[in-house]
C-alpha atoms as a PDB file:
ATOM      1  CA  MET A   1      47.962 146.652 185.793  1.00  0.00           C
ATOM      2  CA  LYS A   2      49.451 149.105 183.305  1.00  0.00           C
ATOM      3  CA  ALA A   3      52.067 148.289 180.674  1.00  0.00           C
ATOM      4  CA  PRO A   4      55.666 149.301 181.417  1.00  0.00           C
ATOM      5  CA  SER A   5      56.729 152.611 179.929  1.00  0.00           C
ATOM      6  CA  ILE A   6      59.324 152.674 177.150  1.00  0.00           C
ATOM      7  CA  LYS A   7      62.047 155.322 177.010  1.00  0.00           C
ATOM      8  CA  VAL A   8      64.298 155.195 173.947  1.00  0.00           C
ATOM      9  CA  ILE A   9      67.946 155.804 174.862  1.00  0.00           C
ATOM     10  CA  ALA A  10      69.738 155.379 171.504  1.00  0.00           C
ATOM     11  CA  ASN A  11      68.734 154.840 167.870  1.00  0.00           C
ATOM     12  CA  ASN A  12      70.949 153.403 165.157  1.00  0.00           C
ATOM     13  CA  LYS A  13      70.058 155.717 162.260  1.00  0.00           C
ATOM     14  CA  LYS A  14      72.953 154.424 160.172  1.00  0.00           C
ATOM     15  CA  ALA A  15      71.392 150.947 160.182  1.00  0.00           C
ATOM     16  CA  TYR A  16      68.267 152.241 158.442  1.00  0.00           C
ATOM     17  CA  HIS A  17      70.477 153.991 155.885  1.00  0.00           C
ATOM     18  CA  ASP A  18      72.669 150.971 155.130  1.00  0.00           C
ATOM     19  CA  TYR A  19      70.183 148.081 155.446  1.00  0.00           C
ATOM     20  CA  PHE A  20      66.659 146.940 154.662  1.00  0.00           C
ATOM     21  CA  VAL A  21      65.137 145.815 157.975  1.00  0.00           C
ATOM     22  CA  GLU A  22      63.198 142.598 157.366  1.00  0.00           C
ATOM     23  CA  GLU A  23      62.319 141.556 160.917  1.00  0.00           C
ATOM     24  CA  THR A  24      62.759 142.991 164.414  1.00  0.00           C
ATOM     25  CA  LEU A  25      63.146 141.292 167.763  1.00  0.00           C
ATOM     26  CA  GLU A  26      63.411 142.466 171.378  1.00  0.00           C
ATOM     27  CA  ALA A  27      66.261 141.123 173.506  1.00  0.00           C
ATOM     28  CA  GLY A  28      67.503 141.693 177.007  1.00  0.00           C
ATOM     29  CA  ILE A  29      71.153 142.507 177.552  1.00  0.00           C
ATOM     30  CA  SER A  30      73.474 141.395 180.326  1.00  0.00           C
ATOM     31  CA  LEU A  31      75.233 144.398 181.860  1.00  0.00           C
ATOM     32  CA  VAL A  32      77.129 145.305 185.005  1.00  0.00           C
ATOM     33  CA  GLY A  33      75.872 148.015 187.386  1.00  0.00           C
ATOM     34  CA  THR A  34      77.968 150.924 186.156  1.00  0.00           C
ATOM     35  CA  GLU A  35      76.993 150.172 182.534  1.00  0.00           C
ATOM     36  CA  VAL A  36      73.317 150.365 183.447  1.00  0.00           C
ATOM     37  CA  LYS A  37      73.866 153.742 185.105  1.00  0.00           C
ATOM     38  CA  SER A  38      75.741 155.009 182.067  1.00  0.00           C
ATOM     39  CA  ILE A  39      72.996 153.804 179.694  1.00  0.00           C
ATOM     40  CA  ARG A  40      70.341 155.490 181.836  1.00  0.00           C
ATOM     41  CA  MET A  41      72.293 158.724 181.328  1.00  0.00           C
ATOM     42  CA  GLY A  42      72.118 158.135 177.543  1.00  0.00           C
ATOM     43  CA  ARG A  43      75.815 157.428 177.025  1.00  0.00           C
ATOM     44  CA  VAL A  44      75.588 154.569 174.522  1.00  0.00           C
ATOM     45  CA  ASN A  45      76.481 154.487 170.809  1.00  0.00           C
ATOM     46  CA  LEU A  46      75.294 151.777 168.383  1.00  0.00           C
ATOM     47  CA  LYS A  47      76.802 153.235 165.212  1.00  0.00           C
ATOM     48  CA  ASP A  48      79.201 150.429 164.191  1.00  0.00           C
ATOM     49  CA  SER A  49      77.720 147.615 166.266  1.00  0.00           C
ATOM     50  CA  TYR A  50      76.463 144.219 165.147  1.00  0.00           C
ATOM     51  CA  CYS A  51      75.385 140.888 166.614  1.00  0.00           C
ATOM     52  CA  SER A  52      76.762 137.412 166.088  1.00  0.00           C
ATOM     53  CA  VAL A  53      76.314 133.927 167.508  1.00  0.00           C
ATOM     54  CA  LYS A  54      79.221 132.450 169.492  1.00  0.00           C
ATOM     55  CA  ASN A  55      79.001 129.156 171.370  1.00  0.00           C
ATOM     56  CA  GLY A  56      75.214 129.149 171.072  1.00  0.00           C
ATOM     57  CA  GLU A  57      74.842 132.643 172.569  1.00  0.00           C
ATOM     58  CA  MET A  58      73.910 135.889 170.858  1.00  0.00           C
ATOM     59  CA  ILE A  59      76.681 138.466 171.380  1.00  0.00           C
ATOM     60  CA  LEU A  60      76.465 142.245 170.866  1.00  0.00           C
ATOM     61  CA  MET A  61      79.760 143.557 169.477  1.00  0.00           C
ATOM     62  CA  GLY A  62      80.989 147.074 168.839  1.00  0.00           C
ATOM     63  CA  ALA A  63      78.408 148.878 170.979  1.00  0.00           C
ATOM     64  CA  HIS A  64      80.116 151.655 172.919  1.00  0.00           C
ATOM     65  CA  VAL A  65      78.872 152.234 176.477  1.00  0.00           C
ATOM     66  CA  SER A  66      80.863 155.111 177.937  1.00  0.00           C
ATOM     67  CA  PRO A  67      82.343 154.526 181.393  1.00  0.00           C
ATOM     68  CA  TYR A  68      80.232 155.818 184.260  1.00  0.00           C
ATOM     69  CA  GLU A  69      81.777 159.056 185.553  1.00  0.00           C
ATOM     70  CA  LYS A  70      81.300 158.253 189.224  1.00  0.00           C
ATOM     71  CA  GLY A  71      82.375 154.623 188.855  1.00  0.00           C
ATOM     72  CA  ASN A  72      85.975 153.735 189.566  1.00  0.00           C
ATOM     73  CA  ILE A  73      87.336 150.180 189.553  1.00  0.00           C
ATOM     74  CA  PHE A  74      83.907 148.821 188.612  1.00  0.00           C
ATOM     75  CA  ASN A  75      83.934 150.383 185.123  1.00  0.00           C
ATOM     76  CA  LYS A  76      84.334 147.875 182.314  1.00  0.00           C
ATOM     77  CA  ASP A  77      85.835 148.206 178.840  1.00  0.00           C
ATOM     78  CA  PRO A  78      83.453 150.428 176.786  1.00  0.00           C
ATOM     79  CA  LEU A  79      83.657 148.162 173.706  1.00  0.00           C
ATOM     80  CA  ARG A  80      83.434 144.791 175.443  1.00  0.00           C
ATOM     81  CA  GLU A  81      81.225 142.037 174.049  1.00  0.00           C
ATOM     82  CA  ARG A  82      77.849 141.802 175.778  1.00  0.00           C
ATOM     83  CA  THR A  83      75.556 138.787 175.845  1.00  0.00           C
ATOM     84  CA  LEU A  84      72.000 139.251 174.568  1.00  0.00           C
ATOM     85  CA  LEU A  85      69.258 137.332 176.318  1.00  0.00           C
ATOM     86  CA  LEU A  86      67.121 135.381 173.861  1.00  0.00           C
ATOM     87  CA  HIS A  87      65.376 132.012 173.781  1.00  0.00           C
ATOM     88  CA  ARG A  88      67.229 129.122 172.130  1.00  0.00           C
ATOM     89  CA  LYS A  89      64.628 128.887 169.312  1.00  0.00           C
ATOM     90  CA  GLN A  90      65.032 132.579 168.529  1.00  0.00           C
ATOM     91  CA  ILE A  91      68.826 132.271 168.383  1.00  0.00           C
ATOM     92  CA  ASP A  92      68.612 129.199 166.132  1.00  0.00           C
ATOM     93  CA  HIS A  93      66.126 130.914 163.804  1.00  0.00           C
ATOM     94  CA  LEU A  94      68.289 134.031 163.451  1.00  0.00           C
ATOM     95  CA  PHE A  95      71.501 132.021 163.079  1.00  0.00           C
ATOM     96  CA  GLY A  96      69.936 129.981 160.252  1.00  0.00           C
ATOM     97  CA  LYS A  97      68.836 133.112 158.418  1.00  0.00           C
ATOM     98  CA  VAL A  98      72.258 134.755 158.755  1.00  0.00           C
ATOM     99  CA  LYS A  99      74.100 131.653 157.532  1.00  0.00           C
ATOM    100  CA  GLN A 100      71.899 130.968 154.492  1.00  0.00           C
ATOM    101  CA  ASP A 101      70.480 134.149 153.081  1.00  0.00           C
ATOM    102  CA  GLY A 102      73.186 136.773 153.577  1.00  0.00           C
ATOM    103  CA  TYR A 103      71.381 138.648 156.322  1.00  0.00           C
ATOM    104  CA  SER A 104      73.041 140.607 159.139  1.00  0.00           C
ATOM    105  CA  LEU A 105      71.952 141.100 162.740  1.00  0.00           C
ATOM    106  CA  ILE A 106      72.094 144.798 163.576  1.00  0.00           C
ATOM    107  CA  PRO A 107      71.001 146.470 166.837  1.00  0.00           C
ATOM    108  CA  LEU A 108      68.472 149.168 165.943  1.00  0.00           C
ATOM    109  CA  ARG A 109      67.820 150.828 169.286  1.00  0.00           C
ATOM    110  CA  VAL A 110      68.438 150.608 173.021  1.00  0.00           C
ATOM    111  CA  TYR A 111      65.591 151.496 175.351  1.00  0.00           C
ATOM    112  CA  LEU A 112      64.358 151.163 178.905  1.00  0.00           C
ATOM    113  CA  LYS A 113      61.241 149.057 179.361  1.00  0.00           C
ATOM    114  CA  GLY A 114      60.213 149.619 182.931  1.00  0.00           C
ATOM    115  CA  SER A 115      63.469 149.109 184.823  1.00  0.00           C
ATOM    116  CA  TYR A 116      65.035 146.777 182.248  1.00  0.00           C
ATOM    117  CA  VAL A 117      67.449 147.702 179.457  1.00  0.00           C
ATOM    118  CA  LYS A 118      66.323 146.179 176.148  1.00  0.00           C
ATOM    119  CA  VAL A 119      67.874 146.058 172.681  1.00  0.00           C
ATOM    120  CA  GLU A 120      65.857 145.874 169.467  1.00  0.00           C
ATOM    121  CA  ILE A 121      67.665 143.682 166.948  1.00  0.00           C
ATOM    122  CA  GLY A 122      66.928 143.822 163.245  1.00  0.00           C
ATOM    123  CA  LEU A 123      67.390 141.010 160.753  1.00  0.00           C
ATOM    124  CA  CYS A 124      68.731 143.166 157.915  1.00  0.00           C
ATOM    125  CA  LYS A 125      69.782 142.812 154.308  1.00  0.00           C
ATOM    126  CA  GLY A 126      72.390 145.238 152.940  1.00  0.00           C
ATOM    127  CA  LYS A 127      71.443 148.042 150.562  1.00  0.00           C
ATOM    128  CA  LYS A 128      73.328 148.685 147.360  1.00  0.00           C
ATOM    129  CA  LEU A 129      74.339 152.222 146.406  1.00  0.00           C
ATOM    130  CA  TYR A 130      71.391 152.612 144.025  1.00  0.00           C
ATOM    131  CA  ASP A 131      69.005 151.505 146.804  1.00  0.00           C
ATOM    132  CA  LYS A 132      70.406 154.214 149.078  1.00  0.00           C
ATOM    133  CA  ARG A 133      69.928 156.822 146.345  1.00  0.00           C
ATOM    134  CA  GLU A 134      66.367 155.641 145.795  1.00  0.00           C
ATOM    135  CA  SER A 135      65.600 155.846 149.525  1.00  0.00           C
ATOM    136  CA  ALA A 136      67.073 159.352 149.689  1.00  0.00           C
ATOM    137  CA  ALA A 137      65.006 160.435 146.670  1.00  0.00           C
ATOM    138  CA  LYS A 138      61.792 159.078 148.233  1.00  0.00           C
ATOM    139  CA  ALA A 139      62.516 160.828 151.534  1.00  0.00           C
ATOM    140  CA  SER A 140      63.251 164.087 149.700  1.00  0.00           C
ATOM    141  CA  ALA A 141      60.020 163.823 147.698  1.00  0.00           C
ATOM    142  CA  LYS A 142      58.029 163.117 150.858  1.00  0.00           C
ATOM    143  CA  ARG A 143      59.544 166.160 152.587  1.00  0.00           C
ATOM    144  CA  GLU A 144      58.763 168.315 149.550  1.00  0.00           C
ATOM    145  CA  ILE A 145      55.128 167.160 149.501  1.00  0.00           C
ATOM    146  CA  GLU A 146      54.735 167.807 153.215  1.00  0.00           C
ATOM    147  CA  ARG A 147      56.313 171.253 152.832  1.00  0.00           C
ATOM    148  CA  SER A 148      53.925 172.172 150.001  1.00  0.00           C
ATOM    149  CA  MET A 149      50.915 170.869 151.975  1.00  0.00           C
ATOM    150  CA  LYS A 150      51.978 172.994 154.956  1.00  0.00           C
ATOM    151  CA  ILE A 151      52.256 176.144 152.812  1.00  0.00           C
ATOM    152  CA  GLU A 152      48.749 175.647 151.332  1.00  0.00           C
ATOM    153  CA  ARG A 153      47.079 175.599 154.747  1.00  0.00           C
END
């Protein structure tokens, strides 16, 4: 039996710019039919989204799933809150970290795993301005090294 294929639909590049990602976790997401069709077409945006715990459930907030073009009355609000499917122990662990240590729960990417839509959540700590500058400088230096190595060949 072969492993299900993974197709990345959306990445949250801003999250890697604004946060240090300490830990990642895969979660399912509860969607309605037209949202699934829209996500399969790649019409999802995670730019300003985040996760929080409400009434013992993990909720994805601020993720924009564009309405399905061929859907009519079945389309839902693009910015509605969506429940993430996690085990109770996972939710309690993440909730404890967020409450104590100043971490944030940020969705990093949305992908298809087989026929299921999955969300990768990151337990993140915010970067300061000097951290962002340092990260940019490292990335620039790495690009410069790779460019010079390419020219030498």
